């Protein structure tokens, strides 16, 4: 190689180095991830032609005794009914006599037909309190609908009209939806029949309900859209439009739909029995934080912390205890607290289930028998703390504690634990309050005040400690961090 060629190579290498590359890495640098090129926006016209006829307008009426109101009251009442979809109580003076019972329009919503023999899905809140429900098709045919059943927890209602050979929509698989895919909504916002809006799925499994991971989209949804379908580009229903996030009462860019998989599970029960039965474990749960997970030897934050066990419920009978971390339900991992209620709720009443818990450093399988979900129990009585002795120093965690008497333990259904008489320093900063009960420290059950104070005195001041604290019916781990 001539000196001139060598010089050219050196100059080239120097130029590459100045640009942030080396000769060896320039050729082997990884290529960027390829991104699909968007060549145009979708055309929804064919999809709407096929799906539109199966979407219906739903009007509800109720029978009320009309009082004699002031000027403009009837117009204002009608506006409030149309916008909010619910009757507004009237004020009537003792001198005003009620008129005859009349039928007045209660609200307007949407729905869609799921079978050619007249089964219609909508939201439970659309038909709640209605005495009569009218379903109107796009060809202007009207039918009186029977409400077969409704479920407030999922906001799903199933209607039936007496007709055959009706247009209907196919249902899709909401578990396979993807963030960013195009969807449309068809409904009757502000009573404007068969209005179509389009957008994309913004998020999946949005946690806005106890039993429902809702679909979030940016499809425009307004009062009157409730109960209408959210449809993918294949013409399949993937959800029922149910809620909007708004400060004004109208669309603000975020709407939510009930996933069709859950809707159809509910609809099947409504069709058979008119009601929905869900399973119940009999526990209250809270989130497992990273600090709690590390203190208990779990590694990463996962599972659901048992903060209360219902007296006489399935969990107590099976042996689940306050402070347990539920890691699996029938073999399915519980990553967050949202997972457990949905899995338990979908379990058949009377079925046997296996709950895997983390207790004092090891996994334990607990067999339980699921019962029917019912209303929450009353709040447990709160024990009264004692006043610390004058001049008494708190323990190493900044706590004064005392024992529960036999009557308090019976009332609270506890075998051990101590009551917090006062909290200061690190304990107070962690959220421990006077009157709280401490049931466990790290992985050790607390039996009495002497044991608790002894354990506190042996703690490593460089390590955080997790204490299981019960306040009324809610129990959770609080992490007390050492003073730096």
Protein backbone atom coordinates (compact mmCIF):
# COMPACT_ATOMS: atom_id res chain seq x y z
CA UNK A 1 0.00 0.00 0.00
CA UNK A 2 1.43 3.41 -0.96
CA UNK A 3 1.92 6.16 1.55
CA UNK A 4 -0.85 8.13 -0.15
CA UNK A 5 -3.36 5.28 0.31
CA UNK A 6 -2.31 4.81 3.95
CA UNK A 7 -2.89 8.52 4.54
CA UNK A 8 -6.39 8.28 3.03
CA UNK A 9 -7.29 5.36 5.31
CA UNK A 10 -6.04 7.24 8.37
CA UNK A 11 -8.01 10.34 7.42
CA UNK A 12 -11.18 8.26 6.90
CA UNK A 13 -10.76 6.63 10.30
CA UNK A 14 -10.27 10.00 11.95
CA UNK A 15 -13.43 11.36 10.32
CA UNK A 16 -15.45 8.38 11.56
CA UNK A 17 -14.05 8.77 15.06
CA UNK A 18 -15.01 12.45 15.09
CA UNK A 19 -18.54 11.47 14.12
CA UNK A 20 -18.75 9.20 17.18
CA UNK A 21 -17.93 5.88 15.43
CA UNK A 22 -14.98 3.57 15.26
CA UNK A 23 -13.89 1.74 12.18
CA UNK A 24 -14.81 -1.61 13.73
CA UNK A 25 -18.24 -0.56 15.09
CA UNK A 26 -19.46 1.40 12.08
CA UNK A 27 -20.08 -1.72 10.06
CA UNK A 28 -21.56 -3.75 12.94
CA UNK A 29 -23.90 -1.12 14.48
CA UNK A 30 -27.39 -2.54 15.14
CA UNK A 31 -30.11 -1.36 12.77
CA UNK A 32 -33.10 0.53 14.24
CA UNK A 33 -36.31 -1.38 14.89
CA UNK A 34 -38.39 -1.24 11.69
CA UNK A 35 -41.63 0.73 12.02
CA UNK A 36 -44.56 0.04 9.69
CA UNK A 37 -45.23 2.91 7.32
CA UNK A 38 -48.76 4.32 7.59
CA UNK A 39 -49.90 5.03 4.05
CA UNK A 40 -53.41 6.30 4.72
CA UNK A 41 -56.35 6.48 7.08
CA UNK A 42 -58.93 3.68 7.15
CA UNK A 43 -62.25 3.91 5.37
CA UNK A 44 -65.07 2.86 7.71
CA UNK A 45 -67.97 3.14 5.25
CA UNK A 46 -68.34 -0.57 4.38
CA UNK A 47 -68.01 -1.53 8.04
CA UNK A 48 -70.71 0.95 9.05
CA UNK A 49 -73.05 -0.24 6.29
CA UNK A 50 -72.89 -3.77 7.71
CA UNK A 51 -72.84 -2.98 11.45
CA UNK A 52 -75.17 0.00 11.61
CA UNK A 53 -78.51 -1.82 11.19
CA UNK A 54 -77.84 -3.95 14.29
CA UNK A 55 -77.37 -0.92 16.56
CA UNK A 56 -80.55 0.32 18.22
CA UNK A 57 -81.84 3.37 20.01
CA UNK A 58 -83.27 2.70 23.47
CA UNK A 59 -85.85 4.96 25.08
CA UNK A 60 -87.09 4.41 28.61
CA UNK A 61 -90.14 5.78 30.33
CA UNK A 62 -91.43 5.71 33.87
CA UNK A 63 -94.81 6.29 35.46
CA UNK A 64 -94.81 9.30 37.77
CA UNK A 65 -97.38 11.51 39.45
CA UNK A 66 -96.94 14.93 37.91
CA UNK A 67 -96.99 17.79 40.41
CA UNK A 68 -97.85 21.37 39.52
CA UNK A 69 -94.52 23.14 39.10
CA UNK A 70 -93.44 26.70 38.48
CA UNK A 71 -92.85 28.34 35.09
CA UNK A 72 -90.34 26.45 32.97
CA UNK A 73 -90.06 23.51 35.40
CA UNK A 74 -91.30 20.94 32.88
CA UNK A 75 -88.71 22.08 30.30
CA UNK A 76 -85.92 21.95 32.88
CA UNK A 77 -86.98 18.49 34.05
CA UNK A 78 -86.97 17.20 30.48
CA UNK A 79 -83.48 18.65 29.89
CA UNK A 80 -82.13 17.01 33.03
CA UNK A 81 -83.72 13.66 32.11
CA UNK A 82 -82.24 13.72 28.63
CA UNK A 83 -78.76 14.79 29.69
CA UNK A 84 -78.30 12.78 32.86
CA UNK A 85 -80.62 9.88 32.02
CA UNK A 86 -82.35 9.85 35.40
CA UNK A 87 -85.42 11.47 36.99
CA UNK A 88 -84.88 14.53 39.18
CA UNK A 89 -86.94 14.67 42.42
CA UNK A 90 -89.55 17.38 42.46
CA UNK A 91 -90.35 19.69 45.35
CA UNK A 92 -94.04 20.16 46.04
CA UNK A 93 -95.66 22.27 48.72
CA UNK A 94 -98.29 20.68 50.99
CA UNK A 95 -100.99 22.74 49.19
CA UNK A 96 -100.12 21.25 45.79
CA UNK A 97 -102.18 18.20 44.90
CA UNK A 98 -100.67 15.42 42.76
CA UNK A 99 -102.10 14.98 39.29
CA UNK A 100 -102.85 11.72 37.57
CA UNK A 101 -100.04 9.24 36.97
CA UNK A 102 -98.39 9.82 33.60
CA UNK A 103 -95.65 8.24 31.56
CA UNK A 104 -92.67 10.51 30.95
CA UNK A 105 -89.48 9.88 29.08
CA UNK A 106 -86.74 8.95 31.49
CA UNK A 107 -83.68 8.71 29.27
CA UNK A 108 -82.16 7.77 25.95
CA UNK A 109 -79.41 5.26 25.36
CA UNK A 110 -78.08 2.79 22.85
CA UNK A 111 -77.83 -0.96 22.45
CA UNK A 112 -77.10 -3.63 19.88
CA UNK A 113 -78.68 -6.89 18.75
CA UNK A 114 -76.66 -10.06 19.35
CA UNK A 115 -79.00 -12.67 17.80
CA UNK A 116 -81.55 -12.71 15.02
CA UNK A 117 -84.30 -13.70 17.45
CA UNK A 118 -84.20 -10.43 19.38
CA UNK A 119 -81.66 -10.47 22.23
CA UNK A 120 -80.28 -6.97 22.83
CA UNK A 121 -77.39 -5.82 25.02
CA UNK A 122 -77.09 -2.42 26.68
CA UNK A 123 -75.88 -0.84 29.92
CA UNK A 124 -77.64 -1.54 33.20
CA UNK A 125 -77.76 2.17 33.98
CA UNK A 126 -79.65 2.84 30.74
CA UNK A 127 -82.68 0.77 31.83
CA UNK A 128 -82.40 1.16 35.60
CA UNK A 129 -85.73 2.23 37.12
CA UNK A 130 -87.57 2.13 33.79
CA UNK A 131 -91.20 0.97 33.63
CA UNK A 132 -91.15 0.64 29.86
CA UNK A 133 -88.30 0.17 27.36
CA UNK A 134 -88.67 0.88 23.65
CA UNK A 135 -86.12 -0.35 21.10
CA UNK A 136 -85.97 1.43 17.73
CA UNK A 137 -84.10 0.02 14.72
CA UNK A 138 -82.51 2.05 11.96
CA UNK A 139 -85.41 1.16 9.63
CA UNK A 140 -87.71 2.90 12.19
CA UNK A 141 -89.35 -0.29 13.45
CA UNK A 142 -90.14 -0.08 17.15
CA UNK A 143 -90.47 -2.88 19.72
CA UNK A 144 -91.37 -2.96 23.38
CA UNK A 145 -88.51 -4.74 25.11
CA UNK A 146 -88.52 -6.92 28.19
CA UNK A 147 -85.59 -6.50 30.59
CA UNK A 148 -84.46 -10.07 31.26
CA UNK A 149 -81.98 -8.91 33.88
CA UNK A 150 -79.32 -6.35 34.68
CA UNK A 151 -76.07 -6.36 36.63
CA UNK A 152 -74.87 -3.14 38.24
CA UNK A 153 -71.35 -4.38 38.95
CA UNK A 154 -70.58 -4.89 35.27
CA UNK A 155 -73.14 -2.33 34.03
CA UNK A 156 -74.67 -4.86 31.64
CA UNK A 157 -78.34 -5.47 30.88
CA UNK A 158 -79.97 -8.03 28.58
CA UNK A 159 -83.21 -7.20 26.77
CA UNK A 160 -85.53 -9.28 24.59
CA UNK A 161 -87.83 -8.11 21.81
CA UNK A 162 -90.42 -10.28 20.07
CA UNK A 163 -89.06 -10.39 16.53
CA UNK A 164 -87.15 -12.68 14.18
CA UNK A 165 -84.71 -12.35 11.29
CA UNK A 166 -83.16 -9.27 12.85
CA UNK A 167 -79.71 -7.95 11.88
CA UNK A 168 -77.17 -8.70 14.58
CA UNK A 169 -73.50 -8.14 15.41
CA UNK A 170 -70.81 -10.76 15.90
CA UNK A 171 -68.80 -10.63 19.11
CA UNK A 172 -65.02 -10.61 19.07
CA UNK A 173 -62.32 -11.55 21.57
CA UNK A 174 -61.53 -8.61 23.82
CA UNK A 175 -58.48 -10.42 25.23
CA UNK A 176 -56.78 -10.04 21.84
CA UNK A 177 -57.23 -6.31 21.36
CA UNK A 178 -54.13 -4.19 20.80
CA UNK A 179 -53.41 -0.65 21.88
CA UNK A 180 -53.43 1.55 18.79
CA UNK A 181 -55.89 -0.44 16.69
CA UNK A 182 -58.79 1.43 15.10
CA UNK A 183 -62.28 1.10 16.57
CA UNK A 184 -65.64 2.78 16.03
CA UNK A 185 -68.62 3.51 18.26
CA UNK A 186 -72.20 3.66 17.03
CA UNK A 187 -74.96 5.04 19.22
CA UNK A 188 -77.42 7.85 19.95
CA UNK A 189 -75.50 10.71 21.61
CA UNK A 190 -77.89 13.49 22.57
CA UNK A 191 -80.64 11.37 20.92
CA UNK A 192 -78.98 11.63 17.49
CA UNK A 193 -79.68 8.11 16.21
CA UNK A 194 -77.00 5.98 14.55
CA UNK A 195 -74.15 8.43 15.08
CA UNK A 196 -70.71 7.03 14.25
CA UNK A 197 -67.45 8.11 15.88
CA UNK A 198 -63.98 6.63 15.40
CA UNK A 199 -60.66 6.46 17.21
CA UNK A 200 -58.11 4.04 18.60
CA UNK A 201 -57.76 1.86 21.67
CA UNK A 202 -55.78 3.95 24.15
CA UNK A 203 -55.20 1.35 26.87
CA UNK A 204 -56.23 -2.15 27.89
CA UNK A 205 -57.30 -3.39 31.30
CA UNK A 206 -57.81 0.08 32.73
CA UNK A 207 -58.61 -0.38 36.40
CA UNK A 208 -61.74 1.69 37.02
CA UNK A 209 -63.94 -1.04 38.43
CA UNK A 210 -63.69 -3.73 41.08
CA UNK A 211 -64.43 -6.62 38.75
CA UNK A 212 -63.80 -5.06 35.33
CA UNK A 213 -60.60 -4.21 33.49
CA UNK A 214 -62.17 -1.65 31.13
CA UNK A 215 -61.07 -0.81 27.59
CA UNK A 216 -59.97 2.82 27.21
CA UNK A 217 -60.29 4.55 23.85
CA UNK A 218 -60.32 8.05 22.42
CA UNK A 219 -63.56 7.42 20.53
CA UNK A 220 -66.00 10.27 21.15
CA UNK A 221 -68.72 9.03 23.54
CA UNK A 222 -71.41 11.32 24.97
CA UNK A 223 -74.69 11.00 26.91
CA UNK A 224 -76.85 8.67 24.83
CA UNK A 225 -73.92 6.55 23.60
CA UNK A 226 -74.18 4.40 26.72
CA UNK A 227 -74.90 0.78 25.86
CA UNK A 228 -73.74 1.04 22.26
CA UNK A 229 -71.05 -1.19 20.75
CA UNK A 230 -67.33 -0.58 20.39
CA UNK A 231 -66.46 -2.31 17.11
CA UNK A 232 -63.12 -3.34 15.61
CA UNK A 233 -62.16 -3.21 11.93
CA UNK A 234 -63.43 -6.76 11.40
CA UNK A 235 -66.94 -5.71 12.38
CA UNK A 236 -66.80 -7.50 15.74
CA UNK A 237 -68.03 -6.03 19.01
CA UNK A 238 -65.19 -5.86 21.53
CA UNK A 239 -66.96 -3.85 24.21
CA UNK A 240 -70.01 -1.91 25.40
CA UNK A 241 -69.46 1.85 25.73
CA UNK A 242 -70.19 2.60 29.35
CA UNK A 243 -68.32 5.54 30.89
CA UNK A 244 -66.49 8.75 30.08
CA UNK A 245 -63.81 10.62 32.02
CA UNK A 246 -65.07 14.20 32.12
CA UNK A 247 -65.29 17.33 34.21
CA UNK A 248 -67.97 18.95 32.06
CA UNK A 249 -70.43 16.08 31.57
CA UNK A 250 -69.53 15.72 27.90
CA UNK A 251 -66.70 13.98 26.03
CA UNK A 252 -63.20 15.08 27.04
CA UNK A 253 -61.08 12.64 25.01
CA UNK A 254 -61.28 9.51 27.19
CA UNK A 255 -64.00 6.89 27.15
CA UNK A 256 -64.34 3.39 28.59
CA UNK A 257 -66.00 0.21 27.40
CA UNK A 258 -66.85 -3.02 29.21
CA UNK A 259 -64.90 -5.86 27.51
CA UNK A 260 -67.19 -8.10 25.50
CA UNK A 261 -65.75 -11.28 27.06
CA UNK A 262 -67.07 -10.19 30.46
CA UNK A 263 -70.30 -8.91 28.91
CA UNK A 264 -71.10 -12.28 27.37
CA UNK A 265 -70.38 -14.14 30.63
CA UNK A 266 -72.82 -11.84 32.39
CA UNK A 267 -75.38 -12.06 29.58
CA UNK A 268 -75.37 -15.85 29.72
CA UNK A 269 -76.32 -15.78 33.41
CA UNK A 270 -78.93 -13.08 32.85
CA UNK A 271 -80.47 -15.16 30.07
CA UNK A 272 -80.70 -18.26 32.29
CA UNK A 273 -81.67 -16.80 35.67
CA UNK A 274 -82.11 -13.05 35.35
CA UNK A 275 -79.36 -12.44 37.91
CA UNK A 276 -75.58 -12.73 38.15
CA UNK A 277 -73.91 -14.75 40.89
CA UNK A 278 -70.24 -14.16 41.66
CA UNK A 279 -67.87 -16.01 43.89
CA UNK A 280 -66.62 -14.63 47.19
CA UNK A 281 -63.53 -15.50 49.19
CA UNK A 282 -64.28 -13.41 52.26
CA UNK A 283 -61.16 -11.26 52.46
CA UNK A 284 -60.20 -7.64 52.06
CA UNK A 285 -56.92 -7.08 50.24
CA UNK A 286 -54.41 -4.33 49.62
CA UNK A 287 -51.46 -3.77 47.33
CA UNK A 288 -48.04 -5.27 48.11
CA UNK A 289 -45.40 -2.55 47.94
CA UNK A 290 -41.77 -3.09 47.03
CA UNK A 291 -40.63 -2.32 50.57
CA UNK A 292 -43.08 -4.84 52.04
CA UNK A 293 -42.04 -7.49 49.51
CA UNK A 294 -38.37 -7.03 50.36
CA UNK A 295 -39.01 -7.08 54.11
CA UNK A 296 -41.00 -10.34 53.85
CA UNK A 297 -38.54 -12.06 51.54
CA UNK A 298 -40.84 -12.04 48.50
CA UNK A 299 -38.31 -10.45 46.18
CA UNK A 300 -40.42 -8.38 43.81
CA UNK A 301 -43.74 -6.73 44.63
CA UNK A 302 -46.53 -9.12 43.67
CA UNK A 303 -49.65 -10.75 45.01
CA UNK A 304 -52.44 -9.37 47.19
CA UNK A 305 -52.01 -8.71 50.89
CA UNK A 306 -54.84 -10.02 53.08
CA UNK A 307 -55.88 -7.06 55.21
CA UNK A 308 -59.07 -8.55 56.69
CA UNK A 309 -60.56 -12.03 56.95
CA UNK A 310 -64.34 -12.18 57.24
CA UNK A 311 -65.54 -14.04 60.31
CA UNK A 312 -67.04 -17.36 59.28
CA UNK A 313 -66.23 -16.79 55.62
CA UNK A 314 -64.58 -19.20 53.17
CA UNK A 315 -61.09 -17.80 53.76
CA UNK A 316 -61.28 -18.14 57.55
CA UNK A 317 -62.70 -21.66 57.29
CA UNK A 318 -59.93 -22.64 54.90
CA UNK A 319 -57.17 -21.20 57.09
CA UNK A 320 -56.21 -17.94 55.34
CA UNK A 321 -54.92 -15.40 57.86
CA UNK A 322 -54.54 -11.65 58.01
CA UNK A 323 -51.07 -10.77 56.73
CA UNK A 324 -50.92 -13.60 54.20
CA UNK A 325 -49.84 -12.59 50.71
CA UNK A 326 -52.00 -14.34 48.11
CA UNK A 327 -49.73 -15.33 45.23
CA UNK A 328 -51.97 -17.67 43.21
CA UNK A 329 -55.63 -18.59 42.85
CA UNK A 330 -56.19 -22.05 41.35
CA UNK A 331 -52.69 -21.91 39.94
CA UNK A 332 -53.10 -18.51 38.25
CA UNK A 333 -50.61 -15.91 39.38
CA UNK A 334 -51.87 -12.84 41.24
CA UNK A 335 -49.64 -10.01 40.06
CA UNK A 336 -51.73 -7.16 41.52
CA UNK A 337 -54.77 -6.79 43.76
CA UNK A 338 -56.94 -6.30 40.65
CA UNK A 339 -56.42 -9.92 39.59
CA UNK A 340 -57.87 -11.67 42.65
CA UNK A 341 -61.46 -10.29 42.74
CA UNK A 342 -61.92 -11.06 39.05
CA UNK A 343 -60.68 -14.62 39.33
CA UNK A 344 -62.72 -15.31 42.47
CA UNK A 345 -65.79 -13.57 41.05
CA UNK A 346 -65.69 -15.76 37.94
CA UNK A 347 -65.52 -18.95 40.02
CA UNK A 348 -68.67 -21.01 40.39
CA UNK A 349 -70.35 -20.81 43.78
CA UNK A 350 -69.69 -24.00 45.74
CA UNK A 351 -66.52 -24.84 43.81
CA UNK A 352 -63.34 -25.86 45.62
CA UNK A 353 -60.33 -23.67 44.95
CA UNK A 354 -56.68 -23.65 46.01
CA UNK A 355 -55.22 -20.38 47.24
CA UNK A 356 -51.42 -20.17 47.41
CA UNK A 357 -50.23 -17.75 50.10
CA UNK A 358 -46.89 -16.45 51.35
CA UNK A 359 -46.76 -16.82 55.13
CA UNK A 360 -43.71 -16.29 57.31
CA UNK A 361 -41.20 -16.97 54.57
CA UNK A 362 -42.81 -19.90 52.76
CA UNK A 363 -45.56 -20.75 50.27
CA UNK A 364 -48.61 -22.61 51.58
CA UNK A 365 -51.56 -24.00 49.62
CA UNK A 366 -54.91 -23.36 51.31
CA UNK A 367 -58.10 -25.13 50.11
CA UNK A 368 -61.26 -23.01 50.18
CA UNK A 369 -64.89 -23.41 49.11
CA UNK A 370 -66.22 -20.39 47.23
CA UNK A 371 -69.55 -18.89 48.32
CA UNK A 372 -71.82 -16.25 46.76
CA UNK A 373 -70.85 -12.59 46.85
CA UNK A 374 -72.93 -10.49 49.21
CA UNK A 375 -72.93 -7.09 50.86
CA UNK A 376 -69.95 -5.97 52.94
CA UNK A 377 -69.93 -6.66 56.66
CA UNK A 378 -70.12 -4.02 59.36
CA UNK A 379 -66.98 -2.33 60.64
CA UNK A 380 -65.36 -4.05 63.62
CA UNK A 381 -65.20 -2.17 66.94
CA UNK A 382 -62.10 -0.08 67.58
CA UNK A 383 -60.21 -0.82 70.82
CA UNK A 384 -59.43 2.12 73.07
CA UNK A 385 -55.70 2.79 73.62
CA UNK A 386 -54.19 3.24 77.07
CA UNK A 387 -52.34 6.34 78.18
CA UNK A 388 -48.56 5.71 78.44
CA UNK A 389 -47.07 6.00 81.92
CA UNK A 390 -45.49 9.42 82.64
CA UNK A 391 -41.84 9.48 81.59
CA UNK A 392 -42.00 6.08 79.87
CA UNK A 393 -39.76 5.87 76.82
CA UNK A 394 -41.09 4.41 73.54
CA UNK A 395 -39.50 1.29 72.13
CA UNK A 396 -36.94 1.30 69.31
CA UNK A 397 -39.65 1.89 66.70
CA UNK A 398 -41.08 4.91 68.48
CA UNK A 399 -44.12 3.08 69.85
CA UNK A 400 -45.89 2.66 73.16
CA UNK A 401 -48.02 -0.50 73.04
CA UNK A 402 -50.18 -2.47 75.46
CA UNK A 403 -51.96 -5.81 75.55
CA UNK A 404 -55.54 -6.44 74.47
CA UNK A 405 -57.77 -7.78 77.21
CA UNK A 406 -59.74 -11.01 76.80
CA UNK A 407 -62.99 -9.21 75.93
CA UNK A 408 -61.30 -7.10 73.23
CA UNK A 409 -59.71 -10.18 71.68
CA UNK A 410 -63.05 -11.98 71.57
CA UNK A 411 -64.75 -9.00 69.95
CA UNK A 412 -61.99 -8.64 67.39
CA UNK A 413 -61.59 -12.40 66.91
CA UNK A 414 -57.85 -12.20 67.61
CA UNK A 415 -55.53 -14.53 69.47
CA UNK A 416 -52.74 -12.01 69.91
CA UNK A 417 -51.63 -8.54 68.86
CA UNK A 418 -51.05 -5.30 70.72
CA UNK A 419 -52.78 -1.92 70.67
CA UNK A 420 -50.77 1.25 69.92
CA UNK A 421 -51.05 3.68 72.81
CA UNK A 422 -48.94 6.32 71.09
CA UNK A 423 -46.75 6.61 67.99
CA UNK A 424 -43.88 8.98 67.36
CA UNK A 425 -40.70 9.25 65.32
CA UNK A 426 -40.21 6.60 62.65
CA UNK A 427 -43.47 4.78 63.41
CA UNK A 428 -45.56 7.94 63.13
CA UNK A 429 -43.79 8.86 59.88
CA UNK A 430 -44.71 5.43 58.48
CA UNK A 431 -48.40 6.04 59.23
CA UNK A 432 -48.90 4.13 62.50
CA UNK A 433 -51.57 5.82 64.63
CA UNK A 434 -52.84 5.70 68.18
CA UNK A 435 -55.45 2.93 68.48
CA UNK A 436 -53.99 0.78 65.71
CA UNK A 437 -53.48 -2.92 66.33
CA UNK A 438 -50.12 -4.50 65.49
CA UNK A 439 -50.47 -8.16 64.59
CA UNK A 440 -47.14 -9.04 63.04
CA UNK A 441 -43.58 -7.75 62.65
CA UNK A 442 -41.82 -8.94 59.51
CA UNK A 443 -42.64 -12.66 59.57
CA UNK A 444 -43.30 -13.02 63.33
CA UNK A 445 -46.77 -13.02 64.88
CA UNK A 446 -47.15 -10.67 67.83
CA UNK A 447 -48.53 -12.28 70.98
CA UNK A 448 -48.19 -9.52 73.57
CA UNK A 449 -46.48 -6.22 74.39
CA UNK A 450 -43.46 -7.79 76.10
CA UNK A 451 -42.64 -9.92 73.06
CA UNK A 452 -43.17 -6.99 70.67
CA UNK A 453 -40.87 -4.66 72.62
CA UNK A 454 -38.24 -7.39 72.88
CA UNK A 455 -38.30 -7.94 69.11
CA UNK A 456 -38.12 -4.19 68.48
CA UNK A 457 -35.02 -3.98 70.64
CA UNK A 458 -33.22 -6.58 68.51
CA UNK A 459 -33.91 -4.98 65.11
CA UNK A 460 -31.06 -4.06 62.81
CA UNK A 461 -31.19 -0.23 62.65
CA UNK A 462 -29.96 -0.36 59.05
CA UNK A 463 -32.91 -2.45 57.78
CA UNK A 464 -36.54 -1.49 57.25
CA UNK A 465 -39.15 -3.43 59.16
CA UNK A 466 -42.68 -4.34 58.01
CA UNK A 467 -45.37 -4.28 60.69
CA UNK A 468 -48.87 -5.62 60.05
CA UNK A 469 -51.29 -2.95 61.27
CA UNK A 470 -55.05 -3.28 61.63
CA UNK A 471 -57.27 -0.21 61.69
CA UNK A 472 -60.99 -0.99 62.04
CA UNK A 473 -61.65 -3.60 59.31
CA UNK A 474 -58.61 -2.75 57.20
CA UNK A 475 -55.24 -4.39 57.76
CA UNK A 476 -52.05 -3.58 55.89
CA UNK A 477 -48.27 -3.70 56.18
CA UNK A 478 -46.58 -0.42 57.04
CA UNK A 479 -42.84 -0.20 56.48
CA UNK A 480 -40.89 1.61 59.18
CA UNK A 481 -37.57 2.83 57.81
CA UNK A 482 -34.53 3.33 60.00
CA UNK A 483 -33.32 6.83 60.79
CA UNK A 484 -30.44 7.86 58.51
